[in-house]
Amino acid sequence: MSIQAINVRNQFRGKVKEIIRGDVVSEVDVETPWGVVTSVITTRSVDELALVPGSDVVALVKSTEVSIAKI
């Protein structure tokens, strides 16, 4: 999978530091050169993206939300 185009200006490359799994949503902490960014995403998305600590990701920050894309 490759990201073709995305309309988010604030993108931070990093590695998944920690995942706190819940039944429906999970917290994903991403370590970036500028600090830790936390995203709350569905646990299903964590599983579909096969996110684990150490995964290379991009945190996409748009006002009140942080999205995660695995790279």
PDB file of N, CA and C in Angstrom:
ATOM      1  N   MET A   1       0.835  -1.172   0.000  1.00  0.00           N
ATOM      2  CA  MET A   1       0.000   0.000   0.000  1.00  0.00           C
ATOM      3  C   MET A   1       0.883   1.240   0.000  1.00  0.00           C
ATOM      4  N   SER A   2       0.524   2.206  -0.809  1.00  0.00           N
ATOM      5  CA  SER A   2       1.231   3.477  -0.772  1.00  0.00           C
ATOM      6  C   SER A   2       0.210   4.597  -0.706  1.00  0.00           C
ATOM      7  N   ILE A   3       0.588   5.647  -0.032  1.00  0.00           N
ATOM      8  CA  ILE A   3      -0.290   6.799   0.090  1.00  0.00           C
ATOM      9  C   ILE A   3      -0.095   7.649  -1.155  1.00  0.00           C
ATOM     10  N   GLN A   4      -1.141   7.772  -1.969  1.00  0.00           N
ATOM     11  CA  GLN A   4      -1.051   8.522  -3.222  1.00  0.00           C
ATOM     12  C   GLN A   4      -1.148  10.023  -2.984  1.00  0.00           C
ATOM     13  N   ALA A   5      -2.144  10.448  -2.241  1.00  0.00           N
ATOM     14  CA  ALA A   5      -2.327  11.865  -1.953  1.00  0.00           C
ATOM     15  C   ALA A   5      -3.134  11.990  -0.670  1.00  0.00           C
ATOM     16  N   ILE A   6      -2.787  12.977   0.108  1.00  0.00           N
ATOM     17  CA  ILE A   6      -3.522  13.209   1.340  1.00  0.00           C
ATOM     18  C   ILE A   6      -3.472  14.694   1.637  1.00  0.00           C
ATOM     19  N   ASN A   7      -4.582  15.240   2.104  1.00  0.00           N
ATOM     20  CA  ASN A   7      -4.674  16.667   2.337  1.00  0.00           C
ATOM     21  C   ASN A   7      -4.507  16.971   3.821  1.00  0.00           C
ATOM     22  N   VAL A   8      -3.345  16.665   4.363  1.00  0.00           N
ATOM     23  CA  VAL A   8      -3.026  16.978   5.747  1.00  0.00           C
ATOM     24  C   VAL A   8      -1.620  17.575   5.750  1.00  0.00           C
ATOM     25  N   ARG A   9      -1.493  18.756   6.293  1.00  0.00           N
ATOM     26  CA  ARG A   9      -0.194  19.437   6.250  1.00  0.00           C
ATOM     27  C   ARG A   9       0.777  18.948   7.320  1.00  0.00           C
ATOM     28  N   ASN A  10       0.285  18.636   8.498  1.00  0.00           N
ATOM     29  CA  ASN A  10       1.168  18.273   9.599  1.00  0.00           C
ATOM     30  C   ASN A  10       1.353  16.762   9.664  1.00  0.00           C
ATOM     31  N   GLN A  11       2.483  16.306   9.139  1.00  0.00           N
ATOM     32  CA  GLN A  11       2.798  14.881   9.095  1.00  0.00           C
ATOM     33  C   GLN A  11       4.093  14.651   9.863  1.00  0.00           C
ATOM     34  N   PHE A  12       4.071  13.691  10.769  1.00  0.00           N
ATOM     35  CA  PHE A  12       5.237  13.398  11.587  1.00  0.00           C
ATOM     36  C   PHE A  12       5.590  11.924  11.459  1.00  0.00           C
ATOM     37  N   ARG A  13       6.761  11.638  10.882  1.00  0.00           N
ATOM     38  CA  ARG A  13       7.234  10.257  10.800  1.00  0.00           C
ATOM     39  C   ARG A  13       7.716   9.833  12.166  1.00  0.00           C
ATOM     40  N   GLY A  14       7.461   8.584  12.494  1.00  0.00           N
ATOM     41  CA  GLY A  14       7.922   8.077  13.771  1.00  0.00           C
ATOM     42  C   GLY A  14       7.742   6.578  13.878  1.00  0.00           C
ATOM     43  N   LYS A  15       7.930   6.079  15.077  1.00  0.00           N
ATOM     44  CA  LYS A  15       7.757   4.656  15.369  1.00  0.00           C
ATOM     45  C   LYS A  15       6.741   4.512  16.487  1.00  0.00           C
ATOM     46  N   VAL A  16       5.940   3.470  16.384  1.00  0.00           N
ATOM     47  CA  VAL A  16       4.988   3.186  17.452  1.00  0.00           C
ATOM     48  C   VAL A  16       5.775   2.855  18.710  1.00  0.00           C
ATOM     49  N   LYS A  17       5.485   3.606  19.761  1.00  0.00           N
ATOM     50  CA  LYS A  17       6.163   3.403  21.041  1.00  0.00           C
ATOM     51  C   LYS A  17       5.374   2.443  21.926  1.00  0.00           C
ATOM     52  N   GLU A  18       4.051   2.646  21.980  1.00  0.00           N
ATOM     53  CA  GLU A  18       3.209   1.831  22.858  1.00  0.00           C
ATOM     54  C   GLU A  18       1.789   1.805  22.302  1.00  0.00           C
ATOM     55  N   ILE A  19       1.107   0.696  22.518  1.00  0.00           N
ATOM     56  CA  ILE A  19      -0.301   0.574  22.153  1.00  0.00           C
ATOM     57  C   ILE A  19      -1.056   0.112  23.393  1.00  0.00           C
ATOM     58  N   ILE A  20      -2.063   0.888  23.774  1.00  0.00           N
ATOM     59  CA  ILE A  20      -2.935   0.509  24.880  1.00  0.00           C
ATOM     60  C   ILE A  20      -4.248   0.073  24.253  1.00  0.00           C
ATOM     61  N   ARG A  21      -4.455  -1.239  24.183  1.00  0.00           N
ATOM     62  CA  ARG A  21      -5.613  -1.812  23.491  1.00  0.00           C
ATOM     63  C   ARG A  21      -6.862  -1.747  24.356  1.00  0.00           C
ATOM     64  N   GLY A  22      -7.953  -1.425  23.713  1.00  0.00           N
ATOM     65  CA  GLY A  22      -9.261  -1.486  24.340  1.00  0.00           C
ATOM     66  C   GLY A  22     -10.151  -2.382  23.510  1.00  0.00           C
ATOM     67  N   ASP A  23     -11.355  -2.647  23.990  1.00  0.00           N
ATOM     68  CA  ASP A  23     -12.283  -3.489  23.247  1.00  0.00           C
ATOM     69  C   ASP A  23     -12.689  -2.857  21.920  1.00  0.00           C
ATOM     70  N   VAL A  24     -12.898  -1.541  21.917  1.00  0.00           N
ATOM     71  CA  VAL A  24     -13.368  -0.847  20.717  1.00  0.00           C
ATOM     72  C   VAL A  24     -12.326   0.114  20.166  1.00  0.00           C
ATOM     73  N   VAL A  25     -11.689   0.904  21.036  1.00  0.00           N
ATOM     74  CA  VAL A  25     -10.660   1.845  20.596  1.00  0.00           C
ATOM     75  C   VAL A  25      -9.367   1.583  21.344  1.00  0.00           C
ATOM     76  N   SER A  26      -8.266   2.000  20.734  1.00  0.00           N
ATOM     77  CA  SER A  26      -6.945   1.827  21.322  1.00  0.00           C
ATOM     78  C   SER A  26      -6.182   3.140  21.238  1.00  0.00           C
ATOM     79  N   GLU A  27      -5.262   3.349  22.188  1.00  0.00           N
ATOM     80  CA  GLU A  27      -4.360   4.496  22.143  1.00  0.00           C
ATOM     81  C   GLU A  27      -3.049   4.041  21.526  1.00  0.00           C
ATOM     82  N   VAL A  28      -2.572   4.804  20.549  1.00  0.00           N
ATOM     83  CA  VAL A  28      -1.301   4.493  19.894  1.00  0.00           C
ATOM     84  C   VAL A  28      -0.362   5.675  20.129  1.00  0.00           C
ATOM     85  N   ASP A  29       0.728   5.425  20.862  1.00  0.00           N
ATOM     86  CA  ASP A  29       1.744   6.454  21.089  1.00  0.00           C
ATOM     87  C   ASP A  29       2.814   6.312  20.019  1.00  0.00           C
ATOM     88  N   VAL A  30       3.098   7.427  19.338  1.00  0.00           N
ATOM     89  CA  VAL A  30       4.093   7.443  18.277  1.00  0.00           C
ATOM     90  C   VAL A  30       5.243   8.351  18.700  1.00  0.00           C
ATOM     91  N   GLU A  31       6.444   7.803  18.741  1.00  0.00           N
ATOM     92  CA  GLU A  31       7.644   8.566  19.071  1.00  0.00           C
ATOM     93  C   GLU A  31       8.144   9.243  17.810  1.00  0.00           C
ATOM     94  N   THR A  32       8.194  10.579  17.821  1.00  0.00           N
ATOM     95  CA  THR A  32       8.686  11.352  16.680  1.00  0.00           C
ATOM     96  C   THR A  32       9.905  12.144  17.140  1.00  0.00           C
ATOM     97  N   PRO A  33      10.666  12.719  16.213  1.00  0.00           N
ATOM     98  CA  PRO A  33      11.796  13.563  16.617  1.00  0.00           C
ATOM     99  C   PRO A  33      11.371  14.766  17.461  1.00  0.00           C
ATOM    100  N   TRP A  34      10.086  15.117  17.414  1.00  0.00           N
ATOM    101  CA  TRP A  34       9.583  16.292  18.140  1.00  0.00           C
ATOM    102  C   TRP A  34       8.824  15.914  19.397  1.00  0.00           C
ATOM    103  N   GLY A  35       8.772  14.639  19.734  1.00  0.00           N
ATOM    104  CA  GLY A  35       8.069  14.184  20.923  1.00  0.00           C
ATOM    105  C   GLY A  35       7.060  13.094  20.595  1.00  0.00           C
ATOM    106  N   VAL A  36       6.281  12.719  21.591  1.00  0.00           N
ATOM    107  CA  VAL A  36       5.303  11.647  21.432  1.00  0.00           C
ATOM    108  C   VAL A  36       3.966  12.244  20.995  1.00  0.00           C
ATOM    109  N   VAL A  37       3.369  11.632  19.966  1.00  0.00           N
ATOM    110  CA  VAL A  37       2.035  11.977  19.494  1.00  0.00           C
ATOM    111  C   VAL A  37       1.145  10.784  19.793  1.00  0.00           C
ATOM    112  N   THR A  38      -0.018  11.033  20.392  1.00  0.00           N
ATOM    113  CA  THR A  38      -0.941   9.952  20.725  1.00  0.00           C
ATOM    114  C   THR A  38      -2.177  10.038  19.848  1.00  0.00           C
ATOM    115  N   SER A  39      -2.556   8.903  19.288  1.00  0.00           N
ATOM    116  CA  SER A  39      -3.761   8.805  18.469  1.00  0.00           C
ATOM    117  C   SER A  39      -4.696   7.787  19.096  1.00  0.00           C
ATOM    118  N   VAL A  40      -5.998   8.095  19.091  1.00  0.00           N
ATOM    119  CA  VAL A  40      -7.012   7.141  19.522  1.00  0.00           C
ATOM    120  C   VAL A  40      -7.718   6.669  18.262  1.00  0.00           C
ATOM    121  N   ILE A  41      -7.526   5.381  17.929  1.00  0.00           N
ATOM    122  CA  ILE A  41      -8.124   4.803  16.722  1.00  0.00           C
ATOM    123  C   ILE A  41      -8.821   3.501  17.100  1.00  0.00           C
ATOM    124  N   THR A  42      -9.636   2.993  16.199  1.00  0.00           N
ATOM    125  CA  THR A  42     -10.324   1.745  16.508  1.00  0.00           C
ATOM    126  C   THR A  42      -9.316   0.607  16.658  1.00  0.00           C
ATOM    127  N   THR A  43      -9.647  -0.319  17.525  1.00  0.00           N
ATOM    128  CA  THR A  43      -8.802  -1.495  17.707  1.00  0.00           C
ATOM    129  C   THR A  43      -8.772  -2.314  16.419  1.00  0.00           C
ATOM    130  N   ARG A  44      -9.864  -2.309  15.678  1.00  0.00           N
ATOM    131  CA  ARG A  44      -9.899  -2.990  14.382  1.00  0.00           C
ATOM    132  C   ARG A  44      -8.837  -2.403  13.443  1.00  0.00           C
ATOM    133  N   SER A  45      -8.689  -1.073  13.444  1.00  0.00           N
ATOM    134  CA  SER A  45      -7.671  -0.440  12.599  1.00  0.00           C
ATOM    135  C   SER A  45      -6.264  -0.816  13.044  1.00  0.00           C
ATOM    136  N   VAL A  46      -6.050  -0.908  14.345  1.00  0.00           N
ATOM    137  CA  VAL A  46      -4.746  -1.350  14.853  1.00  0.00           C
ATOM    138  C   VAL A  46      -4.429  -2.725  14.291  1.00  0.00           C
ATOM    139  N   ASP A  47      -5.415  -3.622  14.319  1.00  0.00           N
ATOM    140  CA  ASP A  47      -5.202  -4.988  13.819  1.00  0.00           C
ATOM    141  C   ASP A  47      -5.026  -5.014  12.302  1.00  0.00           C
ATOM    142  N   GLU A  48      -5.851  -4.254  11.566  1.00  0.00           N
ATOM    143  CA  GLU A  48      -5.755  -4.244  10.099  1.00  0.00           C
ATOM    144  C   GLU A  48      -4.433  -3.658   9.619  1.00  0.00           C
ATOM    145  N   LEU A  49      -3.912  -2.656  10.349  1.00  0.00           N
ATOM    146  CA  LEU A  49      -2.620  -2.070   9.989  1.00  0.00           C
ATOM    147  C   LEU A  49      -1.454  -2.891  10.534  1.00  0.00           C
ATOM    148  N   ALA A  50      -1.771  -3.908  11.332  1.00  0.00           N
ATOM    149  CA  ALA A  50      -0.749  -4.758  11.966  1.00  0.00           C
ATOM    150  C   ALA A  50       0.255  -3.910  12.749  1.00  0.00           C
ATOM    151  N   LEU A  51      -0.277  -2.933  13.507  1.00  0.00           N
ATOM    152  CA  LEU A  51       0.584  -2.064  14.295  1.00  0.00           C
ATOM    153  C   LEU A  51       1.089  -2.783  15.530  1.00  0.00           C
ATOM    154  N   VAL A  52       2.377  -2.664  15.761  1.00  0.00           N
ATOM    155  CA  VAL A  52       3.027  -3.191  16.956  1.00  0.00           C
ATOM    156  C   VAL A  52       4.093  -2.177  17.349  1.00  0.00           C
ATOM    157  N   PRO A  53       4.541  -2.199  18.598  1.00  0.00           N
ATOM    158  CA  PRO A  53       5.642  -1.311  18.958  1.00  0.00           C
ATOM    159  C   PRO A  53       6.822  -1.516  18.007  1.00  0.00           C
ATOM    160  N   GLY A  54       7.358  -0.399  17.518  1.00  0.00           N
ATOM    161  CA  GLY A  54       8.466  -0.446  16.562  1.00  0.00           C
ATOM    162  C   GLY A  54       8.035  -0.249  15.127  1.00  0.00           C
ATOM    163  N   SER A  55       6.725  -0.329  14.837  1.00  0.00           N
ATOM    164  CA  SER A  55       6.243  -0.113  13.462  1.00  0.00           C
ATOM    165  C   SER A  55       6.549   1.313  13.021  1.00  0.00           C
ATOM    166  N   ASP A  56       7.045   1.466  11.788  1.00  0.00           N
ATOM    167  CA  ASP A  56       7.243   2.787  11.198  1.00  0.00           C
ATOM    168  C   ASP A  56       5.896   3.320  10.734  1.00  0.00           C
ATOM    169  N   VAL A  57       5.550   4.531  11.153  1.00  0.00           N
ATOM    170  CA  VAL A  57       4.265   5.125  10.813  1.00  0.00           C
ATOM    171  C   VAL A  57       4.431   6.607  10.520  1.00  0.00           C
ATOM    172  N   VAL A  58       3.373   7.198  10.008  1.00  0.00           N
ATOM    173  CA  VAL A  58       3.263   8.646   9.869  1.00  0.00           C
ATOM    174  C   VAL A  58       2.044   9.070  10.670  1.00  0.00           C
ATOM    175  N   ALA A  59       2.238  10.011  11.598  1.00  0.00           N
ATOM    176  CA  ALA A  59       1.113  10.581  12.333  1.00  0.00           C
ATOM    177  C   ALA A  59       0.638  11.792  11.540  1.00  0.00           C
ATOM    178  N   LEU A  60      -0.630  11.784  11.173  1.00  0.00           N
ATOM    179  CA  LEU A  60      -1.220  12.853  10.378  1.00  0.00           C
ATOM    180  C   LEU A  60      -2.121  13.664  11.303  1.00  0.00           C
ATOM    181  N   VAL A  61      -1.727  14.892  11.591  1.00  0.00           N
ATOM    182  CA  VAL A  61      -2.425  15.714  12.580  1.00  0.00           C
ATOM    183  C   VAL A  61      -3.259  16.763  11.867  1.00  0.00           C
ATOM    184  N   LYS A  62      -4.559  16.777  12.154  1.00  0.00           N
ATOM    185  CA  LYS A  62      -5.462  17.772  11.584  1.00  0.00           C
ATOM    186  C   LYS A  62      -6.350  18.281  12.706  1.00  0.00           C
ATOM    187  N   SER A  63      -6.159  19.460  13.144  1.00  0.00           N
ATOM    188  CA  SER A  63      -6.839  20.150  14.246  1.00  0.00           C
ATOM    189  C   SER A  63      -7.076  19.244  15.440  1.00  0.00           C
ATOM    190  N   THR A  64      -8.203  18.550  15.519  1.00  0.00           N
ATOM    191  CA  THR A  64      -8.503  17.776  16.720  1.00  0.00           C
ATOM    192  C   THR A  64      -8.307  16.281  16.554  1.00  0.00           C
ATOM    193  N   GLU A  65      -7.728  15.824  15.448  1.00  0.00           N
ATOM    194  CA  GLU A  65      -7.558  14.383  15.275  1.00  0.00           C
ATOM    195  C   GLU A  65      -6.149  14.050  14.825  1.00  0.00           C
ATOM    196  N   VAL A  66      -5.709  12.858  15.189  1.00  0.00           N
ATOM    197  CA  VAL A  66      -4.421  12.332  14.758  1.00  0.00           C
ATOM    198  C   VAL A  66      -4.689  11.007  14.076  1.00  0.00           C
ATOM    199  N   SER A  67      -4.375  10.906  12.792  1.00  0.00           N
ATOM    200  CA  SER A  67      -4.543   9.669  12.051  1.00  0.00           C
ATOM    201  C   SER A  67      -3.197   8.965  11.946  1.00  0.00           C
ATOM    202  N   ILE A  68      -3.224   7.667  11.700  1.00  0.00           N
ATOM    203  CA  ILE A  68      -2.003   6.865  11.585  1.00  0.00           C
ATOM    204  C   ILE A  68      -1.980   6.170  10.232  1.00  0.00           C
ATOM    205  N   ALA A  69      -0.828   6.226   9.557  1.00  0.00           N
ATOM    206  CA  ALA A  69      -0.624   5.479   8.314  1.00  0.00           C
ATOM    207  C   ALA A  69       0.653   4.654   8.491  1.00  0.00           C
ATOM    208  N   LYS A  70       0.584   3.360   8.235  1.00  0.00           N
ATOM    209  CA  LYS A  70       1.766   2.506   8.355  1.00  0.00           C
ATOM    210  C   LYS A  70       2.612   2.678   7.107  1.00  0.00           C
ATOM    211  N   ILE A  71       3.947   2.759   7.295  1.00  0.00           N
ATOM    212  CA  ILE A  71       4.850   2.908   6.142  1.00  0.00           C
ATOM    213  C   ILE A  71       5.844   1.771   6.105  1.00  0.00           C
TER     214      ILE A  71
END
